[in-house]
Each structure stands twice: as structure tokens, then as C-alpha cells.
Amino acid sequence: MAAAHPPAEIPEALLRTLEHAMVRDHGFRDHYAATVWLMDMQHRLADFLPDSRQRLKLLEQLVNQAHQNHLDPQLVLALIEVESRFRSQAVSPAGAVGLMQVMPFWKQEIGRPEDDLTDPAINLRYGCTILAWYLDNEDHDMTRALARYNGSLGRTVYPERVMQAWSQRWWTGR
């Protein structure tokens, strides 16, 4: 995400949605489907995370947040590949933090300054909630939603990179 400070006007609906997401705690919706998906994704993620326990934990958290936000988990994997290459401690030059490169201003905006954006579970909750909100508010126009997520609305380089990673590494056709 590009902006180091909050945009001049953050929609109140986005702030409420993010605030709600940070206090809910849900498990898998369909354990069998999640297990099948986890097995399928294990080898794809191994290039980034060699430790199988770390991979499994991240994939479980990711599936949970993607499902809670009605996102394709494989899209989330593609976005993370582009944003941080699966480094939970990553910090961008603009100050974005963690797997999904969430800007720290979101914590203050929703009154949760104690949240650790390097914690994968917290980062995934923020990032998936924000991405889902942008998708909904851009009428599911993937290019516009991804550009908004990245702070590059009007340019297509970032959305193209995410969609390329999605189609080349993560897409399974399901």
C-alpha cells in the first residue's frame, strides 16, 4: 500500500467493517474443503516457507480470513506473494507492514493501536477485510479493487502483477 498516512477521507463504512473484523474470531466454515485446499497448496508455498508447520499454520489462518471475507484464498496468496513474498516481518519503504503490507494508520483509525501487524493472523484479518471492502465498493472490478488496495488507483501495473501470480502459481480452477 502506498500512502504512509490515512487518506483525507476514509469511508466510515470501511472503518466499521475493519473494526468489526478485528474483534471476531471464527474457525473454518467447512473443515473438509479447507483440508483438501491446504494439501493442494502445501507444495506451492514451500518455495517461500520451507517449514511445513509454518506453512500449515499460515494456510489455515489465510483460509479462515479469506472465507470470512468471501475472498478466493488463492487470490490472497497471490497478493501476499506480490506484497511481501510471505515475509511476516516485511516493512515497505512507505511503512506498510507484514504479509499483506497493511499501513499502520489503520490501527489508529479503528482504535486498536496495540495490534501487531507482523502477526500473520492480525495482518491477514486487516488485509482481507480491506481487500474485500474494496472489491465490494468497486463492484467486484478486480483491477480497480487491487489498485485501491495498493494505493495506485488509475494504474494497472500492480493489479496485473497480482493477477499474474494468481494465474501462474495459485489458481487451481476451483
Protein backbone atom coordinates (compact mmCIF):
# COMPACT_ATOMS: atom_id res chain seq x y z
CA MET A 1 0.00 0.00 0.00
CA ALA A 2 1.43 3.33 -0.99
CA ALA A 3 0.12 6.06 1.33
CA ALA A 4 2.02 6.48 4.60
CA HIS A 5 -0.84 8.43 6.17
CA PRO A 6 -4.57 7.89 6.10
CA PRO A 7 -6.34 9.24 3.06
CA ALA A 8 -8.07 12.56 3.70
CA GLU A 9 -11.42 10.82 3.86
CA ILE A 10 -11.70 7.18 4.88
CA PRO A 11 -15.25 5.93 4.33
CA GLU A 12 -16.98 5.37 7.66
CA ALA A 13 -18.35 2.05 6.39
CA LEU A 14 -14.81 0.74 5.81
CA LEU A 15 -13.75 1.77 9.32
CA ARG A 16 -16.79 -0.01 10.85
CA THR A 17 -16.15 -3.13 8.78
CA LEU A 18 -12.48 -3.26 9.78
CA GLU A 19 -13.27 -2.58 13.43
CA HIS A 20 -15.82 -5.43 13.44
CA ALA A 21 -13.36 -7.80 11.75
CA MET A 22 -10.72 -7.22 14.38
CA VAL A 23 -12.95 -8.42 17.22
CA ARG A 24 -14.47 -11.55 15.66
CA ASP A 25 -12.87 -14.94 15.95
CA HIS A 26 -14.11 -17.64 13.57
CA GLY A 27 -12.94 -21.13 12.66
CA PHE A 28 -13.15 -22.89 9.34
CA ARG A 29 -16.56 -22.89 7.71
CA ASP A 30 -16.03 -26.29 6.05
CA HIS A 31 -13.21 -28.30 7.57
CA TYR A 32 -13.09 -30.91 4.80
CA ALA A 33 -12.85 -28.33 2.00
CA ALA A 34 -10.20 -26.43 3.95
CA THR A 35 -8.17 -29.63 4.46
CA VAL A 36 -8.26 -30.52 0.76
CA TRP A 37 -7.24 -26.98 -0.14
CA LEU A 38 -4.43 -26.99 2.44
CA MET A 39 -2.99 -30.18 1.00
CA ASP A 40 -3.14 -28.77 -2.53
CA MET A 41 -1.39 -25.53 -1.57
CA GLN A 42 1.38 -27.03 0.60
CA HIS A 43 3.85 -27.65 -2.23
CA ARG A 44 3.19 -24.25 -3.86
CA LEU A 45 4.04 -22.37 -0.70
CA ALA A 46 7.16 -24.43 0.04
CA ASP A 47 9.28 -22.15 -2.19
CA PHE A 48 8.53 -19.29 0.21
CA LEU A 49 8.18 -21.07 3.55
CA PRO A 50 10.31 -24.21 3.88
CA ASP A 51 8.98 -25.12 7.35
CA SER A 52 5.89 -27.31 6.89
CA ARG A 53 4.39 -26.37 10.28
CA GLN A 54 4.74 -22.67 9.49
CA ARG A 55 3.12 -23.24 6.08
CA LEU A 56 0.20 -25.15 7.53
CA LYS A 57 -0.47 -22.56 10.21
CA LEU A 58 -0.33 -19.70 7.71
CA LEU A 59 -2.59 -21.52 5.24
CA GLU A 60 -5.15 -22.28 7.96
CA GLN A 61 -5.22 -18.64 9.03
CA LEU A 62 -5.41 -17.47 5.43
CA VAL A 63 -8.30 -19.81 4.52
CA ASN A 64 -10.17 -18.66 7.60
CA GLN A 65 -9.83 -14.96 6.80
CA ALA A 66 -10.45 -15.39 3.08
CA HIS A 67 -13.66 -17.33 3.74
CA GLN A 68 -14.83 -14.87 6.37
CA ASN A 69 -14.43 -12.08 3.81
CA HIS A 70 -15.79 -14.03 0.81
CA LEU A 71 -12.43 -13.90 -0.95
CA ASP A 72 -10.74 -16.54 -3.05
CA PRO A 73 -7.88 -17.79 -0.82
CA GLN A 74 -5.75 -18.20 -3.92
CA LEU A 75 -6.16 -14.50 -4.73
CA VAL A 76 -4.98 -13.69 -1.20
CA LEU A 77 -1.94 -15.93 -1.71
CA ALA A 78 -1.14 -14.09 -4.96
CA LEU A 79 -1.47 -10.71 -3.28
CA ILE A 80 0.84 -11.80 -0.45
CA GLU A 81 3.38 -13.13 -2.92
CA VAL A 82 3.50 -9.75 -4.64
CA GLU A 83 3.32 -7.65 -1.48
CA SER A 84 5.80 -9.39 0.84
CA ARG A 85 6.88 -12.72 -0.65
CA PHE A 86 5.42 -14.25 2.53
CA ARG A 87 7.69 -12.37 4.94
CA SER A 88 5.62 -11.51 8.01
CA GLN A 89 8.25 -9.03 9.19
CA ALA A 90 8.39 -7.14 5.87
CA VAL A 91 8.19 -3.35 6.01
CA SER A 92 7.90 -1.35 2.80
CA PRO A 93 9.62 1.99 2.15
CA ALA A 94 6.17 3.60 2.64
CA GLY A 95 5.81 1.90 6.06
CA ALA A 96 3.38 -0.89 5.13
CA VAL A 97 3.84 -3.90 7.40
CA GLY A 98 3.58 -7.67 7.25
CA LEU A 99 2.34 -10.28 4.83
CA MET A 100 -0.35 -8.14 3.21
CA GLN A 101 1.58 -4.88 3.69
CA VAL A 102 -1.04 -3.14 5.82
CA MET A 103 -0.47 0.51 6.61
CA PRO A 104 -0.19 1.14 10.38
CA PHE A 105 -2.60 4.08 10.27
CA TRP A 106 -5.47 1.56 10.12
CA LYS A 107 -4.78 0.57 13.73
CA GLN A 108 -5.29 4.12 14.97
CA GLU A 109 -8.30 4.67 12.71
CA ILE A 110 -10.21 1.82 14.37
CA GLY A 111 -8.82 2.37 17.88
CA ARG A 112 -6.54 -0.67 18.11
CA PRO A 113 -3.02 0.79 18.38
CA GLU A 114 -1.79 -2.33 20.21
CA ASP A 115 -2.32 -4.63 17.21
CA ASP A 116 0.89 -6.19 15.91
CA LEU A 117 0.75 -6.08 12.11
CA THR A 118 3.70 -8.50 11.91
CA ASP A 119 1.48 -11.17 13.49
CA PRO A 120 0.19 -13.13 10.47
CA ALA A 121 -3.30 -13.70 11.94
CA ILE A 122 -3.80 -10.00 12.64
CA ASN A 123 -2.27 -8.92 9.34
CA LEU A 124 -4.47 -11.32 7.39
CA ARG A 125 -7.56 -10.09 9.20
CA TYR A 126 -6.80 -6.46 8.34
CA GLY A 127 -5.65 -7.15 4.79
CA CYS A 128 -8.52 -9.47 3.82
CA THR A 129 -11.11 -7.15 5.33
CA ILE A 130 -9.71 -4.15 3.45
CA LEU A 131 -9.41 -6.04 0.15
CA ALA A 132 -12.97 -7.39 0.43
CA TRP A 133 -14.28 -3.90 1.14
CA TYR A 134 -12.54 -2.51 -1.94
CA LEU A 135 -13.88 -5.36 -4.09
CA ASP A 136 -17.42 -4.73 -2.89
CA ASN A 137 -17.14 -0.99 -3.38
CA GLU A 138 -15.64 -1.34 -6.85
CA ASP A 139 -18.47 -3.67 -7.95
CA HIS A 140 -16.02 -6.58 -7.95
CA ASP A 141 -13.80 -4.93 -10.56
CA MET A 142 -10.60 -6.78 -9.66
CA THR A 143 -8.26 -4.28 -11.33
CA ARG A 144 -9.76 -1.27 -9.55
CA ALA A 145 -10.00 -3.05 -6.18
CA LEU A 146 -6.38 -4.23 -6.30
CA ALA A 147 -5.21 -0.79 -7.38
CA ARG A 148 -7.11 0.76 -4.46
CA TYR A 149 -5.60 -1.77 -2.07
CA ASN A 150 -2.15 -0.82 -3.29
CA GLY A 151 -2.87 2.91 -3.37
CA SER A 152 -2.33 3.03 -7.13
CA LEU A 153 -5.84 3.62 -8.49
CA GLY A 154 -5.65 4.56 -12.15
CA ARG A 155 -2.59 2.39 -12.82
CA THR A 156 -2.67 -1.28 -13.73
CA VAL A 157 0.89 -2.48 -13.05
CA TYR A 158 0.16 -3.71 -9.52
CA PRO A 159 -3.16 -5.43 -10.33
CA GLU A 160 -1.52 -7.12 -13.32
CA ARG A 161 1.29 -8.44 -11.11
CA VAL A 162 -1.18 -9.89 -8.60
CA MET A 163 -3.34 -11.45 -11.31
CA GLN A 164 -0.27 -12.91 -13.00
CA ALA A 165 0.88 -14.52 -9.72
CA TRP A 166 -2.68 -15.77 -9.20
CA SER A 167 -2.92 -17.41 -12.61
CA GLN A 168 0.64 -18.74 -12.76
CA ARG A 169 1.16 -20.10 -9.25
CA TRP A 170 -2.03 -20.17 -7.19
CA TRP A 171 -5.05 -20.71 -9.44
CA THR A 172 -6.47 -24.24 -9.35
CA GLY A 173 -9.62 -23.65 -11.38
CA ARG A 174 -11.93 -24.22 -8.41
